[in-house]
């Protein structure tokens, strides 16, 4: 099976999409991440949901998880509100990584290798005309386990 057959339509966002809007999209659609596209609609980056959390969770809690326990429950429940007026651009890692993008002819093993190498829960699938969709880790595992 090739990437084209596994790819599904997948929502995209731009670098200027509000981070809170991206977080809501992730939650509402139960997505592992989002595809960031440039002005031409080509993948710029993959934004795993964990990167949105990285921006929302206070740095002191990331550095020392024990400190997260001292925040009272009312404030802890509102951690996503720290996203405020920030954009998706601010959620991206400081050091760019290999872009998890493949062509529509990629095999399942090529997709799995790319996900593993880039530590990405999804891969954008492209053909000559542009973005075909995405293959998620879940759909890849579902396919592999059926064999």
C-alpha atoms as a PDB file:
ATOM      1  CA  UNK A   1       0.000   0.000   0.000  1.00  0.00           C
ATOM      2  CA  UNK A   2       1.227   3.485  -0.834  1.00  0.00           C
ATOM      3  CA  UNK A   3       0.955   6.803   0.981  1.00  0.00           C
ATOM      4  CA  UNK A   4      -1.729   8.022  -1.443  1.00  0.00           C
ATOM      5  CA  UNK A   5      -4.073   5.203  -0.340  1.00  0.00           C
ATOM      6  CA  UNK A   6      -3.475   5.836   3.355  1.00  0.00           C
ATOM      7  CA  UNK A   7      -3.628   9.637   3.200  1.00  0.00           C
ATOM      8  CA  UNK A   8      -6.747  11.355   4.504  1.00  0.00           C
ATOM      9  CA  UNK A   9      -7.883  14.934   4.171  1.00  0.00           C
ATOM     10  CA  UNK A  10      -6.260  16.828   7.003  1.00  0.00           C
ATOM     11  CA  UNK A  11      -6.743  20.352   8.355  1.00  0.00           C
ATOM     12  CA  UNK A  12      -4.016  22.883   7.816  1.00  0.00           C
ATOM     13  CA  UNK A  13      -3.107  26.099   9.586  1.00  0.00           C
ATOM     14  CA  UNK A  14      -0.761  28.939   8.773  1.00  0.00           C
ATOM     15  CA  UNK A  15       2.040  30.435  10.828  1.00  0.00           C
ATOM     16  CA  UNK A  16      -0.256  33.322  11.752  1.00  0.00           C
ATOM     17  CA  UNK A  17      -3.146  31.149  12.995  1.00  0.00           C
ATOM     18  CA  UNK A  18      -3.807  31.933  16.679  1.00  0.00           C
ATOM     19  CA  UNK A  19      -2.322  29.202  18.887  1.00  0.00           C
ATOM     20  CA  UNK A  20      -5.587  28.926  20.848  1.00  0.00           C
ATOM     21  CA  UNK A  21      -7.454  28.255  17.584  1.00  0.00           C
ATOM     22  CA  UNK A  22      -4.925  25.543  16.739  1.00  0.00           C
ATOM     23  CA  UNK A  23      -5.340  23.997  20.211  1.00  0.00           C
ATOM     24  CA  UNK A  24      -9.123  23.946  19.768  1.00  0.00           C
ATOM     25  CA  UNK A  25      -8.761  22.314  16.348  1.00  0.00           C
ATOM     26  CA  UNK A  26      -6.467  19.663  17.833  1.00  0.00           C
ATOM     27  CA  UNK A  27      -8.942  18.956  20.634  1.00  0.00           C
ATOM     28  CA  UNK A  28     -12.179  19.160  18.631  1.00  0.00           C
ATOM     29  CA  UNK A  29     -10.929  16.800  15.916  1.00  0.00           C
ATOM     30  CA  UNK A  30      -8.775  14.621  18.217  1.00  0.00           C
ATOM     31  CA  UNK A  31      -5.717  15.257  16.054  1.00  0.00           C
ATOM     32  CA  UNK A  32      -2.121  14.286  16.870  1.00  0.00           C
ATOM     33  CA  UNK A  33      -0.839  17.459  15.229  1.00  0.00           C
ATOM     34  CA  UNK A  34      -1.405  19.950  12.439  1.00  0.00           C
ATOM     35  CA  UNK A  35       0.143  20.659   9.063  1.00  0.00           C
ATOM     36  CA  UNK A  36       1.431  24.229   8.763  1.00  0.00           C
ATOM     37  CA  UNK A  37       1.319  25.523   5.217  1.00  0.00           C
ATOM     38  CA  UNK A  38       2.934  28.497   3.542  1.00  0.00           C
ATOM     39  CA  UNK A  39       1.194  31.043   1.304  1.00  0.00           C
ATOM     40  CA  UNK A  40       1.330  28.579  -1.624  1.00  0.00           C
ATOM     41  CA  UNK A  41      -0.345  25.822   0.408  1.00  0.00           C
ATOM     42  CA  UNK A  42       2.842  23.737   0.647  1.00  0.00           C
ATOM     43  CA  UNK A  43       3.861  22.207   3.981  1.00  0.00           C
ATOM     44  CA  UNK A  44       6.110  24.462   6.010  1.00  0.00           C
ATOM     45  CA  UNK A  45       6.200  22.322   9.142  1.00  0.00           C
ATOM     46  CA  UNK A  46       4.332  19.729  11.142  1.00  0.00           C
ATOM     47  CA  UNK A  47       3.136  20.972  14.518  1.00  0.00           C
ATOM     48  CA  UNK A  48       2.670  18.084  16.953  1.00  0.00           C
ATOM     49  CA  UNK A  49       0.119  18.774  19.678  1.00  0.00           C
ATOM     50  CA  UNK A  50       2.925  18.481  22.209  1.00  0.00           C
ATOM     51  CA  UNK A  51       4.516  21.647  20.790  1.00  0.00           C
ATOM     52  CA  UNK A  52       1.315  23.576  21.521  1.00  0.00           C
ATOM     53  CA  UNK A  53       1.462  22.211  25.074  1.00  0.00           C
ATOM     54  CA  UNK A  54       5.105  23.248  25.336  1.00  0.00           C
ATOM     55  CA  UNK A  55       4.067  26.844  24.815  1.00  0.00           C
ATOM     56  CA  UNK A  56       1.105  26.619  27.202  1.00  0.00           C
ATOM     57  CA  UNK A  57       2.748  24.808  30.110  1.00  0.00           C
ATOM     58  CA  UNK A  58       4.913  27.099  32.259  1.00  0.00           C
ATOM     59  CA  UNK A  59       8.637  26.470  31.750  1.00  0.00           C
ATOM     60  CA  UNK A  60       9.189  25.869  35.458  1.00  0.00           C
ATOM     61  CA  UNK A  61       6.697  22.967  35.315  1.00  0.00           C
ATOM     62  CA  UNK A  62       8.449  21.500  32.284  1.00  0.00           C
ATOM     63  CA  UNK A  63      11.840  21.785  33.967  1.00  0.00           C
ATOM     64  CA  UNK A  64      10.664  20.358  37.307  1.00  0.00           C
ATOM     65  CA  UNK A  65       7.375  18.416  37.092  1.00  0.00           C
ATOM     66  CA  UNK A  66       7.109  18.411  40.892  1.00  0.00           C
ATOM     67  CA  UNK A  67       6.436  22.150  40.729  1.00  0.00           C
ATOM     68  CA  UNK A  68       3.283  21.503  38.691  1.00  0.00           C
ATOM     69  CA  UNK A  69       1.784  19.891  41.796  1.00  0.00           C
ATOM     70  CA  UNK A  70       2.052  23.114  43.819  1.00  0.00           C
ATOM     71  CA  UNK A  71      -0.186  25.069  41.401  1.00  0.00           C
ATOM     72  CA  UNK A  72      -3.722  25.084  42.761  1.00  0.00           C
ATOM     73  CA  UNK A  73      -6.298  23.164  40.744  1.00  0.00           C
ATOM     74  CA  UNK A  74      -8.262  26.207  39.586  1.00  0.00           C
ATOM     75  CA  UNK A  75      -5.175  27.737  37.968  1.00  0.00           C
ATOM     76  CA  UNK A  76      -3.846  24.390  36.707  1.00  0.00           C
ATOM     77  CA  UNK A  77      -7.086  23.786  34.781  1.00  0.00           C
ATOM     78  CA  UNK A  78      -6.600  27.045  32.883  1.00  0.00           C
ATOM     79  CA  UNK A  79      -3.058  26.462  31.591  1.00  0.00           C
ATOM     80  CA  UNK A  80      -4.117  26.663  27.929  1.00  0.00           C
ATOM     81  CA  UNK A  81      -5.191  30.254  28.470  1.00  0.00           C
ATOM     82  CA  UNK A  82      -1.473  31.092  28.530  1.00  0.00           C
ATOM     83  CA  UNK A  83      -1.636  30.792  24.748  1.00  0.00           C
ATOM     84  CA  UNK A  84      -3.507  34.105  24.752  1.00  0.00           C
ATOM     85  CA  UNK A  85      -2.687  36.120  21.640  1.00  0.00           C
ATOM     86  CA  UNK A  86       0.215  33.904  20.560  1.00  0.00           C
ATOM     87  CA  UNK A  87       0.385  32.430  17.079  1.00  0.00           C
ATOM     88  CA  UNK A  88       1.300  29.006  15.757  1.00  0.00           C
ATOM     89  CA  UNK A  89       4.638  30.498  14.675  1.00  0.00           C
ATOM     90  CA  UNK A  90       5.532  30.810  18.368  1.00  0.00           C
ATOM     91  CA  UNK A  91       4.776  27.100  18.964  1.00  0.00           C
ATOM     92  CA  UNK A  92       7.401  25.886  16.536  1.00  0.00           C
ATOM     93  CA  UNK A  93      10.632  24.448  17.891  1.00  0.00           C
ATOM     94  CA  UNK A  94      13.557  26.849  17.800  1.00  0.00           C
ATOM     95  CA  UNK A  95      15.696  24.435  15.785  1.00  0.00           C
ATOM     96  CA  UNK A  96      14.015  23.334  12.544  1.00  0.00           C
ATOM     97  CA  UNK A  97      13.980  19.594  12.007  1.00  0.00           C
ATOM     98  CA  UNK A  98      13.588  17.381   8.994  1.00  0.00           C
ATOM     99  CA  UNK A  99      10.161  18.024   7.524  1.00  0.00           C
ATOM    100  CA  UNK A 100       7.980  14.880   7.670  1.00  0.00           C
ATOM    101  CA  UNK A 101       6.725  15.161   4.100  1.00  0.00           C
ATOM    102  CA  UNK A 102       6.725  12.389   1.522  1.00  0.00           C
ATOM    103  CA  UNK A 103       5.541  11.748  -1.991  1.00  0.00           C
ATOM    104  CA  UNK A 104       2.325   9.880  -2.702  1.00  0.00           C
ATOM    105  CA  UNK A 105       4.235   6.767  -3.851  1.00  0.00           C
ATOM    106  CA  UNK A 106       5.965   6.148  -0.495  1.00  0.00           C
ATOM    107  CA  UNK A 107       5.505   2.687   1.007  1.00  0.00           C
ATOM    108  CA  UNK A 108       4.201   1.953   4.491  1.00  0.00           C
ATOM    109  CA  UNK A 109       7.732   1.190   5.668  1.00  0.00           C
ATOM    110  CA  UNK A 110       8.993   4.493   4.239  1.00  0.00           C
ATOM    111  CA  UNK A 111       6.200   6.310   6.101  1.00  0.00           C
ATOM    112  CA  UNK A 112       7.014   4.497   9.340  1.00  0.00           C
ATOM    113  CA  UNK A 113      10.720   5.241   8.988  1.00  0.00           C
ATOM    114  CA  UNK A 114      10.010   8.921   8.357  1.00  0.00           C
ATOM    115  CA  UNK A 115       7.711   9.155  11.391  1.00  0.00           C
ATOM    116  CA  UNK A 116      10.279   7.427  13.585  1.00  0.00           C
ATOM    117  CA  UNK A 117      13.197   9.518  12.318  1.00  0.00           C
ATOM    118  CA  UNK A 118      11.363  12.846  12.662  1.00  0.00           C
ATOM    119  CA  UNK A 119       9.438  11.882  15.813  1.00  0.00           C
ATOM    120  CA  UNK A 120       6.287  13.089  14.117  1.00  0.00           C
ATOM    121  CA  UNK A 121       2.801  11.633  14.698  1.00  0.00           C
ATOM    122  CA  UNK A 122       1.843  12.463  11.117  1.00  0.00           C
ATOM    123  CA  UNK A 123       3.343  12.787   7.664  1.00  0.00           C
ATOM    124  CA  UNK A 124       2.149  15.186   4.966  1.00  0.00           C
ATOM    125  CA  UNK A 125       1.685  13.483   1.593  1.00  0.00           C
ATOM    126  CA  UNK A 126       2.419  15.455  -1.579  1.00  0.00           C
ATOM    127  CA  UNK A 127       2.040  14.858  -5.286  1.00  0.00           C
ATOM    128  CA  UNK A 128       2.766  17.042  -8.308  1.00  0.00           C
ATOM    129  CA  UNK A 129      -0.381  19.073  -7.697  1.00  0.00           C
ATOM    130  CA  UNK A 130       0.190  19.773  -4.011  1.00  0.00           C
ATOM    131  CA  UNK A 131      -0.903  18.466  -0.621  1.00  0.00           C
ATOM    132  CA  UNK A 132      -2.824  15.189  -0.914  1.00  0.00           C
ATOM    133  CA  UNK A 133      -3.468  14.771   2.816  1.00  0.00           C
ATOM    134  CA  UNK A 134      -1.755  13.195   5.777  1.00  0.00           C
ATOM    135  CA  UNK A 135      -1.015   9.785   7.187  1.00  0.00           C
ATOM    136  CA  UNK A 136      -1.285   9.616  10.966  1.00  0.00           C
ATOM    137  CA  UNK A 137       0.573   7.260  13.245  1.00  0.00           C
ATOM    138  CA  UNK A 138      -2.773   5.741  14.220  1.00  0.00           C
ATOM    139  CA  UNK A 139      -3.791   4.976  10.626  1.00  0.00           C
ATOM    140  CA  UNK A 140      -0.338   3.575   9.867  1.00  0.00           C
ATOM    141  CA  UNK A 141      -0.449   1.257  12.888  1.00  0.00           C
ATOM    142  CA  UNK A 142      -4.044   0.222  12.118  1.00  0.00           C
ATOM    143  CA  UNK A 143      -2.999  -0.754   8.595  1.00  0.00           C
ATOM    144  CA  UNK A 144       0.131  -2.601   9.722  1.00  0.00           C
ATOM    145  CA  UNK A 145      -1.747  -4.572  12.396  1.00  0.00           C
ATOM    146  CA  UNK A 146      -4.362  -5.744   9.891  1.00  0.00           C
ATOM    147  CA  UNK A 147      -1.714  -7.538   7.841  1.00  0.00           C
END
